[in-house]
Protein backbone atom coordinates (compact mmCIF):
# COMPACT_ATOMS: atom_id res chain seq x y z
CA MET A 1 -17.36 -40.27 -30.37
CA LYS A 2 -18.50 -37.14 -31.57
CA PRO A 3 -18.93 -33.59 -30.63
CA ARG A 4 -22.29 -34.74 -29.80
CA MET A 5 -21.05 -37.19 -27.10
CA GLY A 6 -18.80 -39.97 -27.87
CA ALA A 7 -16.36 -42.01 -25.80
CA LEU A 8 -13.62 -44.11 -24.71
CA LEU A 9 -11.14 -44.75 -21.99
CA ALA A 10 -7.59 -44.90 -21.57
CA ALA A 11 -5.20 -47.73 -21.91
CA SER A 12 -4.26 -50.69 -19.90
CA ALA A 13 -2.50 -53.70 -20.99
CA LEU A 14 -2.45 -57.39 -20.59
CA ALA A 15 -1.86 -58.13 -24.01
CA MET A 16 -2.76 -61.62 -25.21
CA GLY A 17 -2.16 -61.46 -28.96
CA SER A 18 -3.31 -63.67 -31.49
CA LEU A 19 -1.31 -66.77 -32.55
CA LEU A 20 1.60 -65.57 -34.57
CA VAL A 21 4.52 -67.60 -35.95
CA VAL A 22 7.55 -66.05 -37.30
CA GLY A 23 9.85 -68.40 -39.10
CA ALA A 24 13.54 -68.04 -40.22
CA PRO A 25 13.96 -68.42 -43.95
CA ALA A 26 15.32 -71.65 -45.40
CA SER A 27 17.80 -72.05 -48.24
CA ALA A 28 16.09 -71.67 -51.61
CA ALA A 29 16.62 -73.05 -55.08
CA ALA A 30 18.78 -71.15 -57.58
CA GLY A 31 17.24 -68.50 -59.55
CA VAL A 32 14.10 -66.43 -58.69
CA THR A 33 11.89 -68.10 -56.09
CA ALA A 34 8.59 -67.38 -54.14
CA THR A 35 7.96 -68.99 -50.91
CA PHE A 36 4.72 -69.11 -49.19
CA ALA A 37 4.16 -69.22 -45.42
CA LYS A 38 1.08 -68.80 -42.97
CA PRO A 39 2.35 -66.36 -40.31
CA GLN A 40 -1.05 -67.17 -38.72
CA ASP A 41 -3.63 -69.77 -39.09
CA TRP A 42 -6.88 -69.79 -36.96
CA GLY A 43 -8.61 -72.88 -38.41
CA SER A 44 -11.27 -71.21 -40.61
CA GLY A 45 -8.96 -68.95 -42.18
CA PHE A 46 -5.26 -67.72 -42.21
CA GLU A 47 -2.87 -64.93 -43.14
CA GLY A 48 -0.66 -65.87 -46.15
CA LYS A 49 2.57 -64.37 -47.02
CA PHE A 50 4.95 -64.74 -50.10
CA THR A 51 8.67 -64.07 -50.10
CA ILE A 52 9.98 -63.31 -53.38
CA THR A 53 13.85 -63.91 -53.67
CA ASN A 54 16.14 -62.98 -56.26
CA GLY A 55 18.77 -65.69 -56.33
CA GLY A 56 19.61 -65.03 -59.95
CA THR A 57 22.33 -62.91 -61.50
CA THR A 58 20.55 -59.88 -62.69
CA ALA A 59 18.32 -57.42 -60.72
CA LEU A 60 14.46 -57.49 -61.31
CA SER A 61 12.46 -54.61 -62.27
CA SER A 62 9.01 -56.29 -61.90
CA TRP A 63 7.44 -59.60 -60.68
CA LYS A 64 4.30 -61.59 -61.13
CA VAL A 65 3.34 -64.40 -59.01
CA GLU A 66 0.40 -66.80 -60.08
CA PHE A 67 -1.17 -69.56 -58.13
CA ASP A 68 -4.29 -71.55 -57.65
CA LEU A 69 -6.43 -71.89 -54.54
CA PRO A 70 -7.84 -75.32 -53.80
CA ALA A 71 -11.54 -75.81 -53.42
CA GLY A 72 -12.88 -74.33 -50.01
CA THR A 73 -10.12 -71.76 -49.81
CA THR A 74 -10.82 -68.21 -50.91
CA LEU A 75 -8.74 -64.95 -50.74
CA GLY A 76 -9.78 -61.75 -49.04
CA SER A 77 -7.86 -58.46 -48.38
CA TYR A 78 -4.30 -58.16 -49.38
CA TRP A 79 -1.40 -55.73 -49.12
CA ASP A 80 1.91 -54.96 -50.98
CA ALA A 81 0.59 -56.25 -54.41
CA ILE A 82 -2.00 -55.75 -56.90
CA ILE A 83 -4.31 -58.92 -57.10
CA THR A 84 -6.53 -60.03 -59.45
CA LYS A 85 -8.74 -63.27 -59.57
CA ASP A 86 -10.09 -65.41 -62.15
CA GLY A 87 -12.02 -68.21 -60.45
CA SER A 88 -9.53 -70.03 -58.29
CA HIS A 89 -6.59 -68.60 -60.15
CA VAL A 90 -4.95 -65.67 -58.35
CA THR A 91 -2.40 -63.14 -60.00
CA ALA A 92 -0.35 -60.90 -57.91
CA THR A 93 1.89 -58.22 -59.45
CA ASN A 94 4.03 -55.74 -57.60
CA ARG A 95 2.97 -52.35 -56.65
CA GLU A 96 4.61 -49.03 -58.04
CA TYR A 97 7.16 -49.07 -54.93
CA ASN A 98 8.15 -52.64 -54.66
CA GLY A 99 8.94 -53.94 -58.14
CA GLY A 100 12.57 -53.84 -58.13
CA ILE A 101 14.52 -56.53 -56.57
CA ALA A 102 18.41 -56.64 -56.57
CA VAL A 103 20.32 -59.85 -56.58
CA GLY A 104 20.17 -61.43 -53.23
CA ALA A 105 17.41 -59.28 -52.11
CA ASN A 106 13.63 -60.08 -51.52
CA ARG A 107 10.21 -58.62 -51.42
CA THR A 108 7.10 -59.70 -49.62
CA PHE A 109 3.21 -59.53 -50.06
CA GLY A 110 0.47 -60.96 -47.97
CA PHE A 111 -3.15 -61.59 -47.98
CA VAL A 112 -5.99 -62.81 -45.67
CA GLY A 113 -7.49 -66.16 -46.76
CA THR A 114 -10.54 -68.31 -45.66
CA GLY A 115 -10.45 -72.02 -45.48
CA SER A 116 -7.28 -74.40 -44.78
CA GLY A 117 -5.71 -74.74 -48.12
CA VAL A 118 -2.32 -73.54 -49.34
CA PRO A 119 -1.52 -72.27 -52.99
CA GLN A 120 -0.84 -74.71 -55.69
CA ASN A 121 0.80 -74.61 -59.10
CA CYS A 122 2.77 -71.52 -58.21
CA LYS A 123 4.73 -69.50 -60.91
CA ILE A 124 6.92 -66.49 -60.54
CA ASN A 125 7.38 -64.54 -63.71
CA GLY A 126 6.21 -67.63 -65.49
CA ALA A 127 8.55 -70.07 -64.17
CA SER A 128 8.18 -72.36 -61.15
CA CYS A 129 8.17 -70.67 -57.57
CA ALA A 130 10.79 -73.35 -56.56
CA GLY A 131 13.24 -71.83 -59.12
CA GLY A 132 12.80 -74.77 -61.63
CA GLU A 133 10.17 -77.08 -63.03
CA ILE A 134 8.73 -79.35 -60.29
CA PRO A 135 8.64 -83.06 -61.53
CA ASN A 136 5.85 -85.63 -60.68
CA ASP A 137 6.54 -86.24 -56.99
CA PRO A 138 4.62 -88.67 -54.83
CA THR A 139 7.17 -88.92 -52.17
CA PRO A 140 6.86 -86.95 -48.92
CA PRO A 141 9.70 -85.49 -47.06
CA SER A 142 11.19 -87.30 -44.08
CA VAL A 143 9.71 -86.56 -40.62
CA PRO A 144 11.32 -83.58 -38.84
CA THR A 145 13.62 -84.61 -35.94
CA GLY A 146 15.11 -82.84 -33.00
CA LEU A 147 12.24 -80.54 -32.19
CA THR A 148 13.51 -78.51 -29.30
CA VAL A 149 12.19 -75.60 -27.30
CA THR A 150 14.75 -72.84 -27.47
CA GLY A 151 13.00 -70.02 -25.38
CA LYS A 152 9.88 -68.97 -23.95
CA SER A 153 8.09 -65.95 -22.29
CA SER A 154 4.66 -65.36 -20.81
CA SER A 155 3.02 -65.29 -24.36
CA SER A 156 5.36 -67.18 -26.55
CA VAL A 157 7.43 -70.34 -27.16
CA SER A 158 10.51 -70.61 -29.42
CA LEU A 159 11.18 -73.87 -31.24
CA SER A 160 13.95 -75.20 -33.55
CA TRP A 161 14.39 -78.58 -35.37
CA THR A 162 16.61 -80.46 -37.64
CA ALA A 163 15.73 -80.04 -41.58
CA SER A 164 13.99 -82.83 -43.24
CA THR A 165 15.06 -84.33 -46.50
CA ASP A 166 13.11 -84.76 -49.76
CA ASN A 167 14.03 -85.93 -53.31
CA VAL A 168 13.09 -82.69 -54.74
CA GLY A 169 13.21 -80.12 -51.88
CA VAL A 170 11.47 -78.92 -48.75
CA THR A 171 9.56 -75.89 -49.15
CA GLY A 172 8.32 -75.39 -45.60
CA TYR A 173 7.04 -76.89 -42.25
CA ASP A 174 3.79 -76.90 -40.58
CA VAL A 175 4.04 -75.96 -36.84
CA THR A 176 0.83 -77.26 -34.82
CA VAL A 177 -0.01 -76.41 -31.27
CA ALA A 178 -2.06 -79.20 -29.90
CA GLY A 179 -5.80 -78.26 -29.92
CA GLY A 180 -5.01 -74.96 -31.62
CA ALA A 181 -3.87 -73.63 -35.01
CA THR A 182 -1.41 -74.88 -37.45
CA THR A 183 1.10 -72.35 -39.22
CA THR A 184 3.42 -72.84 -42.20
CA VAL A 185 7.01 -71.37 -41.91
CA PRO A 186 9.69 -71.76 -44.57
CA GLY A 187 12.77 -72.60 -42.20
CA THR A 188 13.51 -74.62 -39.24
CA THR A 189 12.78 -72.17 -36.36
CA ALA A 190 9.68 -70.52 -35.32
CA THR A 191 8.24 -68.46 -32.52
CA VAL A 192 4.68 -68.98 -31.56
CA ASN A 193 3.26 -65.82 -29.96
CA GLY A 194 -0.06 -65.06 -28.49
CA LEU A 195 0.01 -67.83 -25.82
CA ASN A 196 -1.64 -67.58 -22.39
CA PRO A 197 0.67 -67.05 -19.32
CA ASP A 198 1.56 -70.05 -17.02
CA THR A 199 0.07 -72.53 -19.48
CA SER A 200 1.39 -75.90 -20.76
CA TYR A 201 1.39 -76.36 -24.75
CA SER A 202 2.39 -79.27 -26.88
CA PHE A 203 3.97 -78.68 -30.36
CA THR A 204 4.69 -80.86 -33.42
CA VAL A 205 6.15 -80.04 -36.86
CA LYS A 206 5.57 -81.68 -40.20
CA ALA A 207 7.69 -81.03 -43.47
CA ARG A 208 6.06 -80.00 -46.87
CA ASP A 209 7.61 -80.23 -50.23
CA ALA A 210 7.19 -78.20 -53.67
CA ALA A 211 4.58 -81.02 -54.91
CA GLY A 212 2.36 -80.50 -51.79
CA ASN A 213 3.49 -83.83 -49.99
CA VAL A 214 3.34 -83.53 -46.34
CA SER A 215 5.50 -85.78 -43.83
CA GLY A 216 4.50 -87.47 -40.66
CA ALA A 217 4.48 -85.46 -37.52
CA SER A 218 7.51 -85.13 -35.36
CA THR A 219 7.75 -86.13 -31.85
CA ALA A 220 5.91 -83.73 -29.67
CA VAL A 221 7.61 -81.40 -27.30
CA THR A 222 5.88 -79.57 -24.38
CA ALA A 223 6.61 -76.04 -22.89
CA LYS A 224 4.90 -74.09 -20.21
CA THR A 225 4.79 -70.29 -20.62
CA ASP A 226 6.34 -68.05 -17.98
CA PRO A 227 3.82 -66.49 -15.53
CA GLY A 228 2.10 -63.34 -16.64
CA THR A 229 2.97 -59.70 -15.11
CA THR A 230 0.50 -57.15 -13.80
CA PRO A 231 0.05 -54.29 -16.13
CA PRO A 232 1.32 -50.92 -14.99
CA PRO A 233 -1.50 -48.89 -13.17
CA GLY A 234 -2.40 -45.32 -14.06
CA ASN A 235 -3.68 -45.23 -17.57
CA ARG A 236 -6.92 -47.45 -17.44
CA GLY A 237 -9.24 -44.50 -16.19
CA ALA A 238 -8.61 -41.68 -18.48
CA PRO A 239 -11.65 -39.45 -19.30
CA TYR A 240 -11.94 -37.74 -22.80
CA LEU A 241 -10.75 -34.17 -23.06
CA TYR A 242 -11.68 -32.35 -26.35
CA LEU A 243 -9.95 -29.13 -26.88
CA GLY A 244 -12.12 -28.39 -29.93
CA TRP A 245 -15.44 -28.31 -28.46
CA GLY A 246 -17.44 -26.85 -25.62
CA ASN A 247 -15.70 -25.34 -22.51
CA PRO A 248 -12.51 -27.53 -22.09
CA PRO A 249 -11.00 -27.04 -18.47
CA SER A 250 -7.49 -26.73 -17.42
CA PRO A 251 -6.39 -30.45 -17.11
CA ALA A 252 -3.75 -29.47 -14.57
CA SER A 253 -6.52 -27.88 -12.39
CA VAL A 254 -8.57 -31.13 -12.65
CA MET A 255 -5.62 -33.34 -11.93
CA ASN A 256 -5.05 -31.25 -8.67
CA ALA A 257 -8.65 -31.55 -7.67
CA THR A 258 -9.35 -35.09 -8.45
CA GLY A 259 -6.26 -37.22 -8.54
CA ILE A 260 -6.74 -38.20 -12.04
CA LYS A 261 -3.56 -38.92 -14.08
CA TRP A 262 -4.30 -39.85 -17.57
CA PHE A 263 -6.60 -38.18 -20.19
CA THR A 264 -7.84 -39.32 -23.53
CA MET A 265 -7.27 -36.51 -26.11
CA ALA A 266 -9.87 -36.26 -28.83
CA PHE A 267 -9.72 -36.35 -31.68
CA ILE A 268 -6.83 -37.18 -34.35
CA LEU A 269 -8.37 -36.66 -37.79
CA ALA A 270 -7.02 -36.46 -41.42
CA GLN A 271 -5.76 -33.14 -42.94
CA ASN A 272 -5.00 -33.05 -46.58
CA GLY A 273 -5.13 -36.79 -47.25
CA CYS A 274 -3.59 -39.34 -45.06
CA ASN A 275 -1.90 -36.75 -42.65
CA PRO A 276 -2.68 -36.66 -39.06
CA SER A 277 -3.72 -33.54 -37.22
CA TRP A 278 -5.81 -32.38 -34.11
CA ASP A 279 -9.40 -32.21 -35.42
CA GLY A 280 -8.36 -32.29 -38.89
CA GLN A 281 -7.30 -28.57 -38.72
CA ARG A 282 -4.96 -27.96 -35.90
CA PRO A 283 -1.28 -28.85 -36.13
CA LEU A 284 -0.12 -32.12 -34.59
CA THR A 285 2.81 -30.30 -32.79
CA GLY A 286 3.58 -26.75 -31.84
CA GLY A 287 -0.02 -25.61 -31.14
CA ASN A 288 -2.45 -25.49 -28.38
CA ASP A 289 -3.09 -29.27 -28.05
CA ALA A 290 0.78 -29.86 -27.73
CA ASN A 291 1.01 -27.20 -25.05
CA VAL A 292 -1.73 -28.88 -23.04
CA ILE A 293 -0.04 -32.16 -23.27
CA ASN A 294 3.14 -30.56 -21.94
CA GLN A 295 1.11 -29.21 -18.97
CA ILE A 296 -0.36 -32.69 -18.30
CA ARG A 297 3.00 -34.21 -18.32
CA ALA A 298 4.71 -31.46 -16.22
CA ALA A 299 2.02 -32.38 -13.59
CA GLY A 300 2.88 -36.04 -13.58
CA GLY A 301 0.35 -37.28 -16.09
CA ASP A 302 0.10 -38.45 -19.50
CA ILE A 303 -2.13 -38.80 -22.43
CA ILE A 304 -3.75 -41.31 -24.95
CA PRO A 305 -4.70 -39.72 -28.27
CA SER A 306 -8.01 -40.96 -29.67
CA PHE A 307 -8.16 -41.39 -33.55
CA GLY A 308 -11.48 -41.10 -35.28
CA GLY A 309 -14.80 -40.53 -33.53
CA TRP A 310 -18.29 -40.22 -34.73
CA SER A 311 -17.84 -37.52 -37.37
CA GLY A 312 -15.04 -35.78 -39.29
CA ASN A 313 -12.46 -36.49 -41.86
CA LYS A 314 -10.99 -39.59 -40.62
CA LEU A 315 -7.63 -41.26 -41.18
CA GLY A 316 -9.23 -44.85 -42.06
CA PRO A 317 -10.99 -43.91 -45.06
CA ASN A 318 -8.29 -41.35 -46.14
CA CYS A 319 -5.19 -43.66 -46.15
CA SER A 320 -5.52 -46.05 -48.97
CA THR A 321 -3.47 -48.95 -47.44
CA ALA A 322 -2.91 -50.40 -43.96
CA GLN A 323 0.80 -49.32 -44.34
CA ALA A 324 -0.18 -45.76 -44.97
CA LEU A 325 -2.60 -45.76 -42.11
CA ALA A 326 0.05 -47.31 -39.84
CA GLY A 327 2.51 -44.55 -41.02
CA ALA A 328 0.01 -41.91 -40.05
CA TYR A 329 -0.46 -43.56 -36.57
CA GLN A 330 3.34 -43.75 -36.27
CA LYS A 331 3.75 -39.89 -36.74
CA VAL A 332 1.63 -39.25 -33.75
CA ILE A 333 3.31 -42.09 -31.75
CA ASP A 334 6.74 -40.53 -32.70
CA ALA A 335 5.64 -36.85 -32.02
CA TYR A 336 4.53 -37.59 -28.39
CA LYS A 337 6.39 -40.71 -27.57
CA LEU A 338 3.04 -42.54 -26.69
CA LYS A 339 2.61 -45.35 -24.52
CA ALA A 340 -0.93 -46.21 -25.91
CA ILE A 341 -3.40 -45.09 -28.61
CA ASP A 342 -7.17 -45.34 -28.96
CA ILE A 343 -8.92 -45.73 -32.14
CA ASP A 344 -12.51 -44.70 -31.82
CA ILE A 345 -14.34 -46.71 -34.77
CA GLU A 346 -17.76 -45.32 -35.34
CA ASN A 347 -20.35 -44.57 -38.11
CA THR A 348 -20.88 -45.91 -41.58
CA ASP A 349 -17.33 -44.68 -42.96
CA GLU A 350 -15.29 -46.96 -40.52
CA PHE A 351 -17.36 -49.04 -38.08
CA GLU A 352 -19.88 -50.32 -40.87
CA ASN A 353 -17.37 -50.32 -43.76
CA ALA A 354 -15.65 -53.80 -43.70
CA THR A 355 -12.95 -52.58 -45.98
CA VAL A 356 -11.81 -49.67 -43.63
CA ALA A 357 -12.41 -51.58 -40.54
CA ASP A 358 -10.00 -54.31 -41.80
CA ARG A 359 -7.57 -51.67 -42.82
CA ILE A 360 -7.51 -50.18 -39.41
CA LEU A 361 -7.02 -53.71 -37.78
CA GLU A 362 -4.09 -54.40 -40.26
CA ALA A 363 -2.54 -51.04 -39.41
CA LEU A 364 -2.73 -51.78 -35.72
CA LYS A 365 -1.02 -55.10 -36.34
CA ILE A 366 1.72 -53.16 -37.94
CA VAL A 367 1.95 -50.57 -35.13
CA LYS A 368 2.14 -53.33 -32.62
CA GLN A 369 5.18 -55.03 -34.68
CA ASN A 370 6.91 -51.59 -34.84
CA ASN A 371 6.36 -50.46 -31.31
CA PRO A 372 6.97 -53.25 -28.59
CA GLY A 373 4.98 -52.61 -25.54
CA ILE A 374 2.59 -50.06 -26.99
CA GLN A 375 -1.08 -50.45 -25.90
CA THR A 376 -3.79 -50.47 -28.42
CA ILE A 377 -7.41 -49.80 -27.76
CA VAL A 378 -10.49 -49.76 -29.91
CA THR A 379 -13.72 -48.22 -28.90
CA ILE A 380 -16.97 -49.20 -30.70
CA PRO A 381 -20.74 -48.49 -30.31
CA THR A 382 -23.00 -51.39 -28.86
CA LEU A 383 -26.54 -52.48 -28.22
CA LYS A 384 -27.86 -53.13 -24.83
CA THR A 385 -27.27 -56.94 -25.60
CA GLY A 386 -23.58 -56.36 -26.41
CA PRO A 387 -21.72 -55.70 -29.74
CA ASN A 388 -23.83 -55.80 -32.77
CA SER A 389 -22.95 -57.58 -36.20
CA HIS A 390 -20.35 -55.08 -37.01
CA GLY A 391 -18.82 -55.11 -33.53
CA ASN A 392 -18.71 -58.90 -33.51
CA ARG A 393 -17.18 -59.02 -37.09
CA LEU A 394 -14.59 -56.53 -35.89
CA ILE A 395 -13.65 -58.74 -32.99
CA GLU A 396 -13.56 -61.85 -35.27
CA ARG A 397 -11.35 -59.98 -37.91
CA SER A 398 -8.85 -58.74 -35.21
CA LYS A 399 -8.35 -62.29 -34.39
CA ALA A 400 -7.94 -63.42 -37.83
CA ILE A 401 -5.58 -60.60 -38.82
CA GLY A 402 -3.45 -60.89 -35.57
CA SER A 403 -4.11 -57.12 -34.66
CA ASN A 404 -3.34 -58.05 -31.01
CA ILE A 405 -5.55 -55.47 -29.68
CA ASP A 406 -5.09 -54.73 -25.82
CA VAL A 407 -8.60 -53.41 -24.78
CA PHE A 408 -11.82 -53.61 -26.76
CA THR A 409 -14.09 -50.88 -25.28
CA LEU A 410 -17.90 -50.42 -25.65
CA MET A 411 -19.58 -47.12 -25.68
CA PRO A 412 -22.74 -47.97 -23.61
CA PHE A 413 -24.91 -44.91 -24.33
CA ASP A 414 -27.28 -43.47 -27.13
CA PHE A 415 -28.45 -47.11 -27.36
CA GLY A 416 -32.04 -46.88 -26.09
CA SER A 417 -31.42 -47.50 -22.38
CA THR A 418 -33.79 -46.73 -19.58
CA ASP A 419 -31.48 -48.35 -16.93
CA ILE A 420 -27.87 -47.42 -17.74
CA ARG A 421 -26.45 -49.53 -14.82
CA THR A 422 -28.07 -52.78 -16.02
CA ASP A 423 -27.72 -52.30 -19.57
CA THR A 424 -24.03 -51.43 -19.47
CA ILE A 425 -23.16 -54.44 -17.26
CA ASN A 426 -25.21 -56.58 -19.67
CA ALA A 427 -23.48 -55.22 -22.79
CA VAL A 428 -19.99 -55.50 -21.31
CA THR A 429 -20.67 -59.02 -20.06
CA ALA A 430 -21.86 -60.15 -23.61
CA LEU A 431 -18.43 -58.49 -24.94
CA LYS A 432 -16.25 -60.41 -22.30
CA ASP A 433 -18.18 -63.59 -23.53
CA LYS A 434 -17.55 -62.87 -27.22
CA LEU A 435 -13.90 -62.18 -26.61
CA LYS A 436 -13.69 -65.49 -24.46
CA SER A 437 -15.19 -67.47 -27.20
CA THR A 438 -13.19 -65.88 -30.04
CA PHE A 439 -9.84 -65.79 -28.40
CA GLY A 440 -9.98 -68.81 -26.30
CA TRP A 441 -9.36 -66.73 -23.17
CA THR A 442 -10.43 -67.35 -19.56
CA ASP A 443 -12.96 -65.12 -17.99
CA ALA A 444 -10.29 -63.20 -16.25
CA GLN A 445 -8.29 -62.72 -19.45
CA ALA A 446 -11.41 -61.58 -21.41
CA TRP A 447 -12.48 -59.08 -18.87
CA ALA A 448 -8.83 -57.65 -18.75
CA HIS A 449 -9.48 -56.90 -22.53
CA SER A 450 -12.84 -55.32 -21.96
CA GLY A 451 -13.53 -51.73 -21.42
CA ILE A 452 -16.42 -49.35 -20.56
CA SER A 453 -16.65 -45.83 -22.09
CA GLY A 454 -19.77 -44.14 -20.85
CA MET A 455 -21.26 -40.80 -21.01
CA ASN A 456 -21.63 -38.57 -17.96
CA GLY A 457 -24.97 -37.01 -17.17
CA LEU A 458 -27.47 -36.97 -19.86
CA SER A 459 -26.70 -38.63 -23.22
CA ASP A 460 -28.00 -37.32 -26.55
CA GLN A 461 -30.99 -39.63 -26.22
CA LYS A 462 -31.35 -38.17 -22.49
CA GLU A 463 -30.24 -41.56 -20.95
CA VAL A 464 -29.29 -40.83 -17.40
CA THR A 465 -26.05 -41.66 -15.62
CA THR A 466 -25.83 -40.06 -12.25
CA PRO A 467 -22.69 -39.83 -10.06
CA GLN A 468 -24.08 -42.78 -8.13
CA THR A 469 -24.58 -44.99 -11.10
CA TRP A 470 -21.16 -44.22 -12.40
CA THR A 471 -19.82 -45.18 -9.00
CA ALA A 472 -21.67 -48.51 -9.19
CA LEU A 473 -20.22 -49.10 -12.73
CA ARG A 474 -16.83 -48.27 -11.49
CA ASP A 475 -17.03 -50.69 -8.71
CA PHE A 476 -18.38 -53.29 -11.10
CA ALA A 477 -15.35 -52.69 -13.48
CA LYS A 478 -12.77 -52.92 -10.64
CA SER A 479 -14.28 -56.06 -9.17
CA ASN A 480 -14.25 -57.84 -12.58
CA GLY A 481 -10.80 -56.61 -13.58
CA LEU A 482 -11.74 -54.59 -16.71
CA GLY A 483 -8.92 -53.19 -18.75
CA ARG A 484 -10.43 -49.68 -19.08
CA PHE A 485 -13.07 -47.51 -17.60
CA THR A 486 -13.56 -43.86 -19.13
CA TYR A 487 -16.18 -41.63 -20.06
CA TRP A 488 -17.31 -38.86 -22.55
CA ALA A 489 -16.32 -36.09 -21.47
CA LEU A 490 -14.28 -34.00 -19.04
CA ASN A 491 -15.67 -30.99 -20.98
CA ARG A 492 -19.07 -31.81 -19.43
CA ASP A 493 -18.00 -32.60 -15.79
CA ARG A 494 -19.92 -29.78 -14.18
CA GLY A 495 -23.41 -29.28 -12.89
CA GLY A 496 -25.62 -26.32 -13.23
CA CYS A 497 -27.71 -27.26 -16.37
CA ASP A 498 -30.05 -29.96 -14.96
CA GLY A 499 -32.24 -31.55 -17.64
CA GLN A 500 -30.21 -30.15 -20.50
CA VAL A 501 -28.07 -31.98 -23.00
CA SER A 502 -24.94 -29.82 -23.20
CA GLY A 503 -21.33 -29.75 -24.16
CA SER A 504 -20.16 -27.79 -21.18
CA CYS A 505 -22.14 -29.48 -18.23
CA SER A 506 -23.56 -32.92 -17.57
CA GLY A 507 -27.25 -32.12 -17.18
CA VAL A 508 -27.62 -33.95 -13.68
CA PRO A 509 -27.05 -32.67 -10.29
CA GLN A 510 -23.18 -33.15 -9.38
CA GLN A 511 -20.14 -31.50 -7.76
CA GLU A 512 -17.56 -30.14 -10.06
CA TRP A 513 -15.27 -32.84 -11.61
CA GLU A 514 -17.30 -35.48 -9.81
CA PHE A 515 -17.23 -37.94 -12.46
CA THR A 516 -13.48 -37.61 -13.15
CA ARG A 517 -13.02 -38.04 -9.16
CA ILE A 518 -14.99 -41.20 -9.43
CA THR A 519 -13.05 -42.39 -12.49
CA ALA A 520 -9.77 -41.84 -10.72
CA GLY A 521 -10.59 -44.38 -8.36
CA PHE A 522 -10.65 -47.17 -10.82
């Protein structure tokens, strides 16, 4: 959003993450080795990860991994390495912060690839990645045995198996979900995440050796995930409150008058580089924003900070890596012990910039890994027909990267509407269908990951959302089980300026705090 009129709502969770396999490391050959794994594979692409292990007798001060990609496989974004490409040949060297590897220690780097191949002809510091030269080897490893389910939850299944044997050495295992993705791990255990609750899945494992030979599939095992749980209520309807714009009301007074409990606080921007602050100029803690948050919590409520918006100096472009951006998000999470964050991705600097959009999604993946249970929301513009090409790409990339977003929220305003109710329903239905086809969710699951962030009263384009329209949209959202319902902005939830576009009133006839009262009923 922007101090013109932006949007987004508060967090819900019913997280159904992308498929992710985390493997325990296998034993490595002597010397320096580089082991490849695919933490995620979605068929048309994958996340690749190299682990460089110093099994030698002296510490390393730098490293260089070289490999070739087979035809049909290409490399895209990457992290924790400097990567150059010459045709299908890839060279990855250490960054300034991760060149040193003590004896017995390891370093990792990763990338996103398209296609289904795996790196070939791998070398680490000029020698074989397996720790020695690989002889000509046409013999595949033995078939893995003893595949067993060792644990499960509503969204994951843990597996273990007996190691295969090979005349040269097993370098990894391909774990396959029947009808789904195949992921490579280096060891004999794996946890498959991102599964649907109360659903049966079948798994097999194949072994892979240093020459690229693959064994036959193990005997399949079947496991049923546990039933899902209902997300905690209370933070799915959270109107935007912007202390740096218009005439912001006392949130405690609004809470008392309407029953609302949660607010989406706008906006966290960048200050002096990759450093988060309120509006890019007010202190993250110790200022008025922190005082207001304390007042909300003292009254029994809570907040979700919104990062970004339509304009301003945003963190996405200012933080040069996903790790740095995740660190900026983490500063805010730690400062306020947050349960949820909202990333408002708009305009040409973030929404229409593929590099920055991917950086945001990769950072959110890191946030999820480091903060179990936190809810992540992304809010994006829309057409009347649903997400545009940038929105569809963002959804697809979130699946590919494994960002595990809880709620994708559309901003159905300033999009040429003459009938906000109909156009909003059409747009969010298209969003639901896109999520369903991308993630393989049911209708109910896709609705739970969908959200609406409207604009009360008159939009910048003078599209009209009356209290009656907002009530109808709330009822639609409730009946379909949407994950979020919010609006821009509480600052405007007043009457008295009919026909005007204002930052302090809605421009339509209404009672004071009427849109907030309606939202509280979500």
